[in-house]
Amino acid sequence: MATEITQASARPMRADARRNYERLLAEARTAFTEHGTDASLEDIARRAGVGIGTLYRHFPNRTALMSAVFQGEVDGLLARSRELLASPEPCRALVDWLRACVAHASTYRGLSRALLAAQSDEASAMSRCSLPLREAGSVLLARAQAVGAVRPEVGITDVMQLTNAISLAAEQSPDDPELPDRLLTLTLRGLQAVPCPDAG
């Protein structure tokens, strides 16, 4: 469990504090979309109509702000993983979910790098995003392994690292929109115990 928490998760906020929190989240989401996760925190605070001290009271550092911004997308990916558990084709379900993860990590420039780092730092606020995704993916991976579609020695940590690395590669090659799918296809072929038509 991450040791860094925001004020919002620590205790209930007054109405004015809640409004500031929501404005900061909205402006941060916009700034991260437009400028990547290295966007100026001072600019985010200014656009939200608060001082930088208020931002830091809610979010002690950039990573905590990123984690809060991305929580909605993570919730969506977790919901999608639960839906895919009902799929009669475990291999296709795993492929579909990993593609959704690549698309998610590609939404904000710098997010894939942060998720890669969080894999080896469970004390990071970003682990509140990465750990639930890893747990959800492990269930889908186990289903694919149970039917012999994926080699039994493959672990979810390696799969998620590869997925985030693909997103990072895509971020560096914006003029090649087909790159993520090509790299994911190559990765999945390497994981397979038997040919999986859904990977191609």
N, C-alpha and C. Protein backbone atom coordinates (compact mmCIF):
# COMPACT_ATOMS: atom_id res chain seq x y z
N MET A 1 0.85 -1.20 0.00
CA MET A 1 0.00 0.00 0.00
C MET A 1 0.88 1.23 0.00
N ALA A 2 0.56 2.17 -0.81
CA ALA A 2 1.38 3.37 -0.90
C ALA A 2 1.34 4.13 0.41
N THR A 3 2.49 4.70 0.79
CA THR A 3 2.55 5.46 2.02
C THR A 3 2.19 6.91 1.80
N GLU A 4 2.26 7.37 0.53
CA GLU A 4 1.93 8.75 0.25
C GLU A 4 0.43 8.84 -0.04
N ILE A 5 -0.28 9.68 0.67
CA ILE A 5 -1.70 9.83 0.45
C ILE A 5 -2.03 11.29 0.34
N THR A 6 -3.11 11.58 -0.33
CA THR A 6 -3.52 12.96 -0.45
C THR A 6 -4.42 13.33 0.72
N GLN A 7 -4.60 14.60 0.90
CA GLN A 7 -5.48 15.08 1.96
C GLN A 7 -6.88 14.52 1.79
N ALA A 8 -7.29 14.35 0.52
CA ALA A 8 -8.64 13.87 0.25
C ALA A 8 -8.87 12.49 0.84
N SER A 9 -7.84 11.62 0.76
CA SER A 9 -8.03 10.26 1.27
C SER A 9 -7.75 10.18 2.76
N ALA A 10 -7.12 11.21 3.35
CA ALA A 10 -6.77 11.16 4.76
C ALA A 10 -7.96 11.50 5.65
N ARG A 11 -8.76 12.49 5.27
CA ARG A 11 -9.90 12.89 6.10
C ARG A 11 -10.88 13.68 5.24
N PRO A 12 -12.14 13.78 5.69
CA PRO A 12 -13.12 14.55 4.93
C PRO A 12 -12.69 16.01 4.81
N MET A 13 -13.03 16.63 3.66
CA MET A 13 -12.65 18.02 3.43
C MET A 13 -13.85 18.94 3.56
N ARG A 14 -13.57 20.18 3.96
CA ARG A 14 -14.61 21.20 3.94
C ARG A 14 -15.01 21.45 2.49
N ALA A 15 -16.16 22.11 2.34
CA ALA A 15 -16.69 22.33 0.99
C ALA A 15 -15.74 23.15 0.14
N ASP A 16 -15.14 24.19 0.71
CA ASP A 16 -14.22 25.02 -0.08
C ASP A 16 -12.96 24.25 -0.43
N ALA A 17 -12.49 23.42 0.50
CA ALA A 17 -11.31 22.62 0.20
C ALA A 17 -11.61 21.59 -0.88
N ARG A 18 -12.80 21.01 -0.82
CA ARG A 18 -13.21 20.05 -1.85
C ARG A 18 -13.27 20.71 -3.21
N ARG A 19 -13.79 21.94 -3.28
CA ARG A 19 -13.85 22.65 -4.56
C ARG A 19 -12.45 22.91 -5.10
N ASN A 20 -11.54 23.32 -4.23
CA ASN A 20 -10.16 23.54 -4.65
C ASN A 20 -9.53 22.25 -5.17
N TYR A 21 -9.80 21.17 -4.45
CA TYR A 21 -9.26 19.86 -4.84
C TYR A 21 -9.75 19.47 -6.23
N GLU A 22 -11.05 19.62 -6.46
CA GLU A 22 -11.62 19.23 -7.75
C GLU A 22 -11.11 20.13 -8.87
N ARG A 23 -10.96 21.44 -8.60
CA ARG A 23 -10.43 22.35 -9.62
C ARG A 23 -8.98 21.99 -9.97
N LEU A 24 -8.21 21.67 -8.94
CA LEU A 24 -6.82 21.28 -9.19
C LEU A 24 -6.74 20.00 -10.03
N LEU A 25 -7.59 19.03 -9.72
CA LEU A 25 -7.61 17.80 -10.51
C LEU A 25 -7.98 18.08 -11.96
N ALA A 26 -9.00 18.90 -12.17
CA ALA A 26 -9.45 19.20 -13.53
C ALA A 26 -8.36 19.91 -14.32
N GLU A 27 -7.72 20.89 -13.69
CA GLU A 27 -6.66 21.63 -14.38
C GLU A 27 -5.43 20.77 -14.61
N ALA A 28 -5.13 19.90 -13.67
CA ALA A 28 -3.99 19.00 -13.84
C ALA A 28 -4.24 18.03 -14.98
N ARG A 29 -5.46 17.51 -15.07
CA ARG A 29 -5.79 16.59 -16.15
C ARG A 29 -5.63 17.28 -17.50
N THR A 30 -6.09 18.52 -17.59
CA THR A 30 -5.95 19.28 -18.84
C THR A 30 -4.48 19.53 -19.15
N ALA A 31 -3.72 19.97 -18.14
CA ALA A 31 -2.31 20.28 -18.34
C ALA A 31 -1.51 19.04 -18.73
N PHE A 32 -1.79 17.91 -18.07
CA PHE A 32 -1.07 16.69 -18.40
C PHE A 32 -1.40 16.21 -19.82
N THR A 33 -2.64 16.40 -20.22
CA THR A 33 -3.03 16.02 -21.58
C THR A 33 -2.33 16.90 -22.61
N GLU A 34 -2.27 18.19 -22.34
CA GLU A 34 -1.70 19.13 -23.30
C GLU A 34 -0.17 19.15 -23.29
N HIS A 35 0.43 19.02 -22.11
CA HIS A 35 1.87 19.23 -21.98
C HIS A 35 2.63 18.03 -21.41
N GLY A 36 1.94 16.96 -21.06
CA GLY A 36 2.61 15.81 -20.46
C GLY A 36 2.70 15.95 -18.95
N THR A 37 3.20 14.93 -18.30
CA THR A 37 3.22 14.91 -16.84
C THR A 37 4.29 15.82 -16.24
N ASP A 38 5.11 16.44 -17.09
CA ASP A 38 6.09 17.41 -16.60
C ASP A 38 5.52 18.84 -16.60
N ALA A 39 4.22 18.97 -16.85
CA ALA A 39 3.59 20.29 -16.87
C ALA A 39 3.86 21.04 -15.56
N SER A 40 3.94 22.36 -15.64
CA SER A 40 4.25 23.19 -14.49
C SER A 40 3.17 23.10 -13.41
N LEU A 41 3.57 22.75 -12.20
CA LEU A 41 2.62 22.70 -11.09
C LEU A 41 2.15 24.11 -10.72
N GLU A 42 3.05 25.08 -10.85
CA GLU A 42 2.67 26.47 -10.57
C GLU A 42 1.57 26.92 -11.54
N ASP A 43 1.69 26.52 -12.80
CA ASP A 43 0.69 26.89 -13.79
C ASP A 43 -0.64 26.20 -13.51
N ILE A 44 -0.58 24.96 -13.07
CA ILE A 44 -1.80 24.23 -12.72
C ILE A 44 -2.51 24.93 -11.57
N ALA A 45 -1.77 25.32 -10.54
CA ALA A 45 -2.36 26.02 -9.40
C ALA A 45 -2.97 27.35 -9.84
N ARG A 46 -2.25 28.08 -10.69
CA ARG A 46 -2.75 29.38 -11.16
C ARG A 46 -4.05 29.21 -11.93
N ARG A 47 -4.09 28.23 -12.80
CA ARG A 47 -5.29 28.00 -13.61
C ARG A 47 -6.47 27.55 -12.75
N ALA A 48 -6.15 26.90 -11.63
CA ALA A 48 -7.21 26.47 -10.71
C ALA A 48 -7.65 27.60 -9.79
N GLY A 49 -6.94 28.72 -9.84
CA GLY A 49 -7.31 29.86 -9.01
C GLY A 49 -6.86 29.75 -7.57
N VAL A 50 -5.80 28.97 -7.33
CA VAL A 50 -5.29 28.82 -5.97
C VAL A 50 -3.78 29.04 -5.98
N GLY A 51 -3.17 29.16 -4.80
CA GLY A 51 -1.74 29.29 -4.69
C GLY A 51 -1.06 27.93 -4.72
N ILE A 52 0.23 27.93 -4.98
CA ILE A 52 0.97 26.67 -5.04
C ILE A 52 0.95 25.96 -3.70
N GLY A 53 0.86 26.72 -2.59
CA GLY A 53 0.78 26.10 -1.28
C GLY A 53 -0.47 25.24 -1.12
N THR A 54 -1.58 25.73 -1.71
CA THR A 54 -2.82 24.96 -1.65
C THR A 54 -2.68 23.65 -2.42
N LEU A 55 -2.02 23.74 -3.58
CA LEU A 55 -1.79 22.51 -4.35
C LEU A 55 -1.01 21.50 -3.52
N TYR A 56 0.06 21.96 -2.86
CA TYR A 56 0.89 21.04 -2.10
C TYR A 56 0.21 20.53 -0.84
N ARG A 57 -0.76 21.29 -0.32
CA ARG A 57 -1.52 20.77 0.83
C ARG A 57 -2.37 19.57 0.42
N HIS A 58 -2.88 19.62 -0.80
CA HIS A 58 -3.67 18.49 -1.29
C HIS A 58 -2.80 17.37 -1.84
N PHE A 59 -1.73 17.75 -2.52
CA PHE A 59 -0.87 16.78 -3.21
C PHE A 59 0.58 17.09 -2.84
N PRO A 60 1.18 16.32 -1.95
CA PRO A 60 2.52 16.66 -1.44
C PRO A 60 3.62 16.69 -2.49
N ASN A 61 3.39 16.05 -3.63
CA ASN A 61 4.38 16.08 -4.70
C ASN A 61 3.70 15.78 -6.04
N ARG A 62 4.46 15.89 -7.10
CA ARG A 62 3.91 15.67 -8.45
C ARG A 62 3.34 14.26 -8.61
N THR A 63 4.03 13.28 -8.05
CA THR A 63 3.57 11.90 -8.19
C THR A 63 2.20 11.69 -7.55
N ALA A 64 1.97 12.32 -6.40
CA ALA A 64 0.66 12.21 -5.75
C ALA A 64 -0.43 12.83 -6.61
N LEU A 65 -0.13 13.95 -7.26
CA LEU A 65 -1.10 14.59 -8.15
C LEU A 65 -1.37 13.71 -9.36
N MET A 66 -0.31 13.15 -9.94
CA MET A 66 -0.48 12.25 -11.08
C MET A 66 -1.36 11.06 -10.71
N SER A 67 -1.11 10.47 -9.55
CA SER A 67 -1.89 9.32 -9.12
C SER A 67 -3.37 9.66 -9.02
N ALA A 68 -3.68 10.84 -8.44
CA ALA A 68 -5.08 11.25 -8.29
C ALA A 68 -5.73 11.50 -9.64
N VAL A 69 -4.98 12.12 -10.56
CA VAL A 69 -5.52 12.41 -11.90
C VAL A 69 -5.83 11.11 -12.64
N PHE A 70 -4.95 10.14 -12.53
CA PHE A 70 -5.09 8.93 -13.32
C PHE A 70 -6.02 7.90 -12.70
N GLN A 71 -6.52 8.16 -11.48
CA GLN A 71 -7.33 7.16 -10.79
C GLN A 71 -8.59 6.80 -11.56
N GLY A 72 -9.20 7.80 -12.21
CA GLY A 72 -10.41 7.51 -12.98
C GLY A 72 -10.15 6.56 -14.13
N GLU A 73 -9.04 6.78 -14.85
CA GLU A 73 -8.69 5.87 -15.94
C GLU A 73 -8.37 4.48 -15.43
N VAL A 74 -7.70 4.41 -14.28
CA VAL A 74 -7.38 3.11 -13.69
C VAL A 74 -8.66 2.37 -13.32
N ASP A 75 -9.61 3.08 -12.75
CA ASP A 75 -10.90 2.45 -12.40
C ASP A 75 -11.56 1.87 -13.64
N GLY A 76 -11.46 2.60 -14.76
CA GLY A 76 -12.02 2.10 -16.01
C GLY A 76 -11.34 0.83 -16.48
N LEU A 77 -10.02 0.77 -16.36
CA LEU A 77 -9.29 -0.43 -16.75
C LEU A 77 -9.62 -1.61 -15.83
N LEU A 78 -9.81 -1.33 -14.56
CA LEU A 78 -10.17 -2.40 -13.63
C LEU A 78 -11.56 -2.94 -13.95
N ALA A 79 -12.48 -2.04 -14.29
CA ALA A 79 -13.83 -2.47 -14.66
C ALA A 79 -13.77 -3.32 -15.93
N ARG A 80 -12.92 -2.91 -16.88
CA ARG A 80 -12.79 -3.66 -18.13
C ARG A 80 -12.21 -5.04 -17.85
N SER A 81 -11.27 -5.15 -16.93
CA SER A 81 -10.69 -6.46 -16.61
C SER A 81 -11.74 -7.39 -16.04
N ARG A 82 -12.65 -6.83 -15.22
CA ARG A 82 -13.71 -7.67 -14.64
C ARG A 82 -14.68 -8.15 -15.72
N GLU A 83 -14.97 -7.28 -16.68
CA GLU A 83 -15.83 -7.69 -17.78
C GLU A 83 -15.20 -8.83 -18.58
N LEU A 84 -13.89 -8.72 -18.81
CA LEU A 84 -13.20 -9.71 -19.64
C LEU A 84 -13.07 -11.07 -18.95
N LEU A 85 -13.27 -11.11 -17.64
CA LEU A 85 -13.23 -12.39 -16.94
C LEU A 85 -14.35 -13.31 -17.40
N ALA A 86 -15.39 -12.73 -17.96
CA ALA A 86 -16.52 -13.53 -18.46
C ALA A 86 -16.29 -14.02 -19.88
N SER A 87 -15.21 -13.60 -20.51
CA SER A 87 -14.94 -14.00 -21.89
C SER A 87 -14.66 -15.49 -21.98
N PRO A 88 -15.24 -16.18 -22.96
CA PRO A 88 -14.96 -17.61 -23.12
C PRO A 88 -13.59 -17.86 -23.75
N GLU A 89 -12.92 -16.78 -24.18
CA GLU A 89 -11.61 -16.92 -24.82
C GLU A 89 -10.56 -16.18 -23.98
N PRO A 90 -9.93 -16.87 -23.03
CA PRO A 90 -8.98 -16.22 -22.13
C PRO A 90 -7.82 -15.52 -22.83
N CYS A 91 -7.35 -16.07 -23.93
CA CYS A 91 -6.24 -15.45 -24.65
C CYS A 91 -6.68 -14.12 -25.23
N ARG A 92 -7.83 -14.10 -25.88
CA ARG A 92 -8.34 -12.85 -26.44
C ARG A 92 -8.60 -11.83 -25.34
N ALA A 93 -9.11 -12.28 -24.20
CA ALA A 93 -9.38 -11.37 -23.09
C ALA A 93 -8.10 -10.70 -22.62
N LEU A 94 -7.02 -11.47 -22.48
CA LEU A 94 -5.74 -10.91 -22.06
C LEU A 94 -5.23 -9.91 -23.08
N VAL A 95 -5.30 -10.27 -24.35
CA VAL A 95 -4.85 -9.37 -25.42
C VAL A 95 -5.63 -8.07 -25.40
N ASP A 96 -6.95 -8.18 -25.30
CA ASP A 96 -7.79 -6.97 -25.30
C ASP A 96 -7.45 -6.06 -24.14
N TRP A 97 -7.20 -6.65 -22.98
CA TRP A 97 -6.91 -5.83 -21.81
C TRP A 97 -5.55 -5.15 -21.91
N LEU A 98 -4.56 -5.88 -22.41
CA LEU A 98 -3.23 -5.28 -22.56
C LEU A 98 -3.27 -4.15 -23.59
N ARG A 99 -4.06 -4.30 -24.62
CA ARG A 99 -4.21 -3.21 -25.59
C ARG A 99 -4.84 -1.99 -24.92
N ALA A 100 -5.80 -2.23 -24.06
CA ALA A 100 -6.43 -1.12 -23.34
C ALA A 100 -5.42 -0.44 -22.42
N CYS A 101 -4.54 -1.22 -21.80
CA CYS A 101 -3.51 -0.65 -20.93
C CYS A 101 -2.53 0.20 -21.72
N VAL A 102 -2.15 -0.26 -22.91
CA VAL A 102 -1.24 0.51 -23.75
C VAL A 102 -1.89 1.83 -24.14
N ALA A 103 -3.17 1.76 -24.52
CA ALA A 103 -3.88 2.98 -24.91
C ALA A 103 -3.96 3.96 -23.73
N HIS A 104 -4.21 3.43 -22.54
CA HIS A 104 -4.30 4.27 -21.34
C HIS A 104 -2.98 4.97 -21.05
N ALA A 105 -1.89 4.19 -21.06
CA ALA A 105 -0.58 4.76 -20.73
C ALA A 105 -0.12 5.76 -21.77
N SER A 106 -0.69 5.69 -22.96
CA SER A 106 -0.31 6.61 -24.03
C SER A 106 -1.10 7.91 -23.99
N THR A 107 -2.07 8.01 -23.10
CA THR A 107 -2.93 9.19 -23.05
C THR A 107 -2.16 10.43 -22.63
N TYR A 108 -1.24 10.28 -21.68
CA TYR A 108 -0.49 11.40 -21.15
C TYR A 108 1.00 11.16 -21.36
N ARG A 109 1.69 12.08 -21.99
CA ARG A 109 3.12 11.96 -22.18
C ARG A 109 3.82 11.92 -20.81
N GLY A 110 4.58 10.88 -20.57
CA GLY A 110 5.26 10.72 -19.30
C GLY A 110 4.61 9.71 -18.37
N LEU A 111 3.37 9.33 -18.64
CA LEU A 111 2.69 8.39 -17.76
C LEU A 111 3.34 7.01 -17.80
N SER A 112 3.69 6.54 -18.99
CA SER A 112 4.29 5.22 -19.10
C SER A 112 5.60 5.16 -18.33
N ARG A 113 6.38 6.24 -18.35
CA ARG A 113 7.64 6.28 -17.61
C ARG A 113 7.36 6.20 -16.10
N ALA A 114 6.33 6.90 -15.65
CA ALA A 114 5.98 6.87 -14.23
C ALA A 114 5.48 5.50 -13.80
N LEU A 115 4.72 4.84 -14.65
CA LEU A 115 4.22 3.50 -14.32
C LEU A 115 5.36 2.48 -14.29
N LEU A 116 6.31 2.64 -15.21
CA LEU A 116 7.48 1.76 -15.19
C LEU A 116 8.24 1.91 -13.88
N ALA A 117 8.44 3.14 -13.44
CA ALA A 117 9.16 3.39 -12.20
C ALA A 117 8.41 2.84 -10.99
N ALA A 118 7.08 2.95 -11.02
CA ALA A 118 6.27 2.50 -9.89
C ALA A 118 6.31 0.99 -9.70
N GLN A 119 6.64 0.25 -10.76
CA GLN A 119 6.71 -1.20 -10.65
C GLN A 119 7.75 -1.63 -9.62
N SER A 120 8.81 -0.83 -9.46
CA SER A 120 9.87 -1.19 -8.53
C SER A 120 9.88 -0.32 -7.27
N ASP A 121 8.83 0.48 -7.09
CA ASP A 121 8.76 1.37 -5.92
C ASP A 121 7.34 1.38 -5.37
N GLU A 122 7.04 0.42 -4.52
CA GLU A 122 5.68 0.29 -4.00
C GLU A 122 5.34 1.37 -2.98
N ALA A 123 6.34 2.18 -2.56
CA ALA A 123 6.07 3.29 -1.66
C ALA A 123 5.61 4.52 -2.43
N SER A 124 5.73 4.50 -3.75
CA SER A 124 5.34 5.64 -4.56
C SER A 124 3.83 5.77 -4.62
N ALA A 125 3.34 7.02 -4.68
CA ALA A 125 1.90 7.23 -4.83
C ALA A 125 1.38 6.59 -6.11
N MET A 126 2.23 6.49 -7.14
CA MET A 126 1.80 5.88 -8.39
C MET A 126 1.53 4.39 -8.24
N SER A 127 2.03 3.78 -7.17
CA SER A 127 1.75 2.36 -6.97
C SER A 127 0.27 2.13 -6.72
N ARG A 128 -0.45 3.18 -6.28
CA ARG A 128 -1.91 3.05 -6.11
C ARG A 128 -2.59 2.85 -7.46
N CYS A 129 -1.89 3.21 -8.53
CA CYS A 129 -2.40 2.93 -9.87
C CYS A 129 -1.84 1.60 -10.39
N SER A 130 -0.54 1.41 -10.23
CA SER A 130 0.11 0.25 -10.85
C SER A 130 -0.23 -1.07 -10.16
N LEU A 131 -0.33 -1.08 -8.83
CA LEU A 131 -0.59 -2.33 -8.13
C LEU A 131 -1.95 -2.94 -8.45
N PRO A 132 -3.05 -2.16 -8.42
CA PRO A 132 -4.35 -2.75 -8.80
C PRO A 132 -4.37 -3.26 -10.24
N LEU A 133 -3.68 -2.55 -11.14
CA LEU A 133 -3.62 -3.01 -12.52
C LEU A 133 -2.86 -4.33 -12.61
N ARG A 134 -1.78 -4.43 -11.87
CA ARG A 134 -1.00 -5.68 -11.89
C ARG A 134 -1.83 -6.83 -11.34
N GLU A 135 -2.59 -6.57 -10.27
CA GLU A 135 -3.43 -7.62 -9.70
C GLU A 135 -4.52 -8.06 -10.67
N ALA A 136 -5.14 -7.08 -11.34
CA ALA A 136 -6.18 -7.41 -12.31
C ALA A 136 -5.60 -8.19 -13.49
N GLY A 137 -4.44 -7.76 -13.95
CA GLY A 137 -3.80 -8.45 -15.07
C GLY A 137 -3.38 -9.86 -14.71
N SER A 138 -3.00 -10.07 -13.45
CA SER A 138 -2.54 -11.40 -13.06
C SER A 138 -3.67 -12.43 -13.17
N VAL A 139 -4.90 -12.00 -12.92
CA VAL A 139 -6.04 -12.91 -13.02
C VAL A 139 -6.28 -13.28 -14.48
N LEU A 140 -6.23 -12.28 -15.36
CA LEU A 140 -6.41 -12.55 -16.79
C LEU A 140 -5.27 -13.41 -17.33
N LEU A 141 -4.06 -13.14 -16.87
CA LEU A 141 -2.92 -13.94 -17.31
C LEU A 141 -3.07 -15.38 -16.85
N ALA A 142 -3.50 -15.58 -15.60
CA ALA A 142 -3.66 -16.94 -15.08
C ALA A 142 -4.70 -17.72 -15.88
N ARG A 143 -5.76 -17.04 -16.31
CA ARG A 143 -6.78 -17.73 -17.14
C ARG A 143 -6.18 -18.17 -18.47
N ALA A 144 -5.37 -17.31 -19.08
CA ALA A 144 -4.75 -17.66 -20.36
C ALA A 144 -3.74 -18.79 -20.17
N GLN A 145 -3.05 -18.80 -19.04
CA GLN A 145 -2.10 -19.88 -18.77
C GLN A 145 -2.83 -21.19 -18.49
N ALA A 146 -3.98 -21.10 -17.85
CA ALA A 146 -4.73 -22.30 -17.49
C ALA A 146 -5.19 -23.08 -18.72
N VAL A 147 -5.42 -22.37 -19.83
CA VAL A 147 -5.84 -23.05 -21.06
C VAL A 147 -4.65 -23.32 -21.97
N GLY A 148 -3.45 -23.06 -21.47
CA GLY A 148 -2.25 -23.37 -22.24
C GLY A 148 -1.89 -22.37 -23.31
N ALA A 149 -2.48 -21.17 -23.26
CA ALA A 149 -2.22 -20.18 -24.31
C ALA A 149 -0.95 -19.37 -24.04
N VAL A 150 -0.55 -19.28 -22.77
CA VAL A 150 0.63 -18.51 -22.39
C VAL A 150 1.55 -19.41 -21.56
N ARG A 151 2.84 -19.30 -21.79
CA ARG A 151 3.81 -20.13 -21.07
C ARG A 151 3.64 -19.97 -19.56
N PRO A 152 3.73 -21.05 -18.80
CA PRO A 152 3.45 -21.00 -17.36
C PRO A 152 4.46 -20.18 -16.56
N GLU A 153 5.67 -20.00 -17.07
CA GLU A 153 6.69 -19.26 -16.30
C GLU A 153 6.56 -17.75 -16.45
N VAL A 154 5.67 -17.29 -17.31
CA VAL A 154 5.50 -15.85 -17.53
C VAL A 154 4.82 -15.22 -16.31
N GLY A 155 5.38 -14.13 -15.81
CA GLY A 155 4.81 -13.43 -14.66
C GLY A 155 4.18 -12.11 -15.05
N ILE A 156 3.21 -11.68 -14.27
CA ILE A 156 2.49 -10.45 -14.60
C ILE A 156 3.38 -9.21 -14.50
N THR A 157 4.35 -9.23 -13.60
CA THR A 157 5.24 -8.06 -13.49
C THR A 157 5.99 -7.82 -14.78
N ASP A 158 6.51 -8.90 -15.38
CA ASP A 158 7.21 -8.75 -16.66
C ASP A 158 6.25 -8.30 -17.76
N VAL A 159 5.05 -8.85 -17.75
CA VAL A 159 4.07 -8.47 -18.78
C VAL A 159 3.73 -6.99 -18.68
N MET A 160 3.53 -6.49 -17.46
CA MET A 160 3.19 -5.08 -17.29
C MET A 160 4.37 -4.18 -17.63
N GLN A 161 5.59 -4.61 -17.32
CA GLN A 161 6.77 -3.84 -17.69
C GLN A 161 6.87 -3.74 -19.21
N LEU A 162 6.63 -4.84 -19.88
CA LEU A 162 6.68 -4.83 -21.34
C LEU A 162 5.59 -3.93 -21.92
N THR A 163 4.41 -3.99 -21.33
CA THR A 163 3.30 -3.17 -21.80
C THR A 163 3.60 -1.68 -21.64
N ASN A 164 4.15 -1.31 -20.50
CA ASN A 164 4.51 0.09 -20.28
C ASN A 164 5.67 0.52 -21.18
N ALA A 165 6.58 -0.40 -21.44
CA ALA A 165 7.69 -0.09 -22.35
C ALA A 165 7.18 0.17 -23.76
N ILE A 166 6.17 -0.59 -24.17
CA ILE A 166 5.56 -0.37 -25.49
C ILE A 166 4.93 1.02 -25.54
N SER A 167 4.25 1.40 -24.47
CA SER A 167 3.63 2.72 -24.42
C SER A 167 4.70 3.81 -24.50
N LEU A 168 5.82 3.60 -23.82
CA LEU A 168 6.91 4.57 -23.85
C LEU A 168 7.49 4.68 -25.26
N ALA A 169 7.65 3.54 -25.93
CA ALA A 169 8.16 3.55 -27.30
C ALA A 169 7.19 4.31 -28.22
N ALA A 170 5.90 4.09 -28.02
CA ALA A 170 4.90 4.78 -28.84
C ALA A 170 4.94 6.28 -28.61
N GLU A 171 5.18 6.66 -27.36
CA GLU A 171 5.27 8.08 -27.02
C GLU A 171 6.42 8.75 -27.77
N GLN A 172 7.50 8.00 -27.97
CA GLN A 172 8.66 8.54 -28.66
C GLN A 172 8.52 8.51 -30.17
N SER A 173 7.48 7.85 -30.67
CA SER A 173 7.27 7.73 -32.12
C SER A 173 5.84 8.12 -32.49
N PRO A 174 5.46 9.38 -32.26
CA PRO A 174 4.08 9.81 -32.50
C PRO A 174 3.64 9.73 -33.96
N ASP A 175 4.60 9.67 -34.87
CA ASP A 175 4.25 9.61 -36.29
C ASP A 175 3.99 8.20 -36.78
N ASP A 176 4.05 7.23 -35.89
CA ASP A 176 3.82 5.83 -36.26
C ASP A 176 2.71 5.26 -35.39
N PRO A 177 1.45 5.56 -35.71
CA PRO A 177 0.34 5.12 -34.86
C PRO A 177 0.17 3.61 -34.79
N GLU A 178 0.75 2.87 -35.72
CA GLU A 178 0.62 1.41 -35.71
C GLU A 178 1.67 0.74 -34.83
N LEU A 179 2.65 1.51 -34.36
CA LEU A 179 3.75 0.92 -33.59
C LEU A 179 3.29 0.17 -32.35
N PRO A 180 2.41 0.74 -31.51
CA PRO A 180 2.01 0.01 -30.29
C PRO A 180 1.46 -1.37 -30.59
N ASP A 181 0.61 -1.48 -31.59
CA ASP A 181 0.00 -2.78 -31.88
C ASP A 181 1.03 -3.76 -32.44
N ARG A 182 1.96 -3.26 -33.24
CA ARG A 182 3.00 -4.14 -33.77
C ARG A 182 3.86 -4.69 -32.64
N LEU A 183 4.27 -3.81 -31.73
CA LEU A 183 5.12 -4.25 -30.62
C LEU A 183 4.37 -5.18 -29.67
N LEU A 184 3.09 -4.89 -29.44
CA LEU A 184 2.30 -5.75 -28.55
C LEU A 184 2.13 -7.12 -29.19
N THR A 185 1.92 -7.16 -30.49
CA THR A 185 1.79 -8.44 -31.18
C THR A 185 3.07 -9.26 -31.06
N LEU A 186 4.22 -8.62 -31.26
CA LEU A 186 5.50 -9.32 -31.11
C LEU A 186 5.68 -9.84 -29.69
N THR A 187 5.33 -9.02 -28.73
CA THR A 187 5.45 -9.42 -27.32
C THR A 187 4.58 -10.63 -27.01
N LEU A 188 3.34 -10.58 -27.45
CA LEU A 188 2.42 -11.67 -27.16
C LEU A 188 2.84 -12.97 -27.82
N ARG A 189 3.39 -12.86 -29.02
CA ARG A 189 3.88 -14.07 -29.68
C ARG A 189 5.01 -14.71 -28.89
N GLY A 190 5.83 -13.87 -28.26
CA GLY A 190 6.92 -14.40 -27.45
C GLY A 190 6.45 -15.05 -26.16
N LEU A 191 5.26 -14.67 -25.68
CA LEU A 191 4.73 -15.22 -24.44
C LEU A 191 3.95 -16.51 -24.64
N GLN A 192 3.58 -16.77 -25.86
CA GLN A 192 2.65 -17.86 -26.12
C GLN A 192 3.28 -19.24 -25.95
N ALA A 193 2.50 -20.12 -25.35
CA ALA A 193 2.88 -21.52 -25.29
C ALA A 193 2.47 -22.24 -26.57
N VAL A 194 1.35 -21.80 -27.14
CA VAL A 194 0.84 -22.31 -28.40
C VAL A 194 0.36 -21.11 -29.20
N PRO A 195 0.24 -21.22 -30.53
CA PRO A 195 -0.22 -20.09 -31.33
C PRO A 195 -1.56 -19.55 -30.84
N CYS A 196 -1.62 -18.26 -30.71
CA CYS A 196 -2.86 -17.59 -30.28
C CYS A 196 -3.30 -16.66 -31.39
N PRO A 197 -4.35 -16.98 -32.14
CA PRO A 197 -4.74 -16.15 -33.27
C PRO A 197 -5.12 -14.73 -32.86
N ASP A 198 -5.47 -14.51 -31.61
CA ASP A 198 -5.89 -13.20 -31.17
C ASP A 198 -4.74 -12.20 -31.07
N ALA A 199 -3.50 -12.72 -31.06
CA ALA A 199 -2.33 -11.85 -30.92
C ALA A 199 -1.92 -11.23 -32.25
N GLY A 200 -2.40 -11.76 -33.33
CA GLY A 200 -1.98 -11.24 -34.62
C GLY A 200 -2.93 -10.24 -35.19
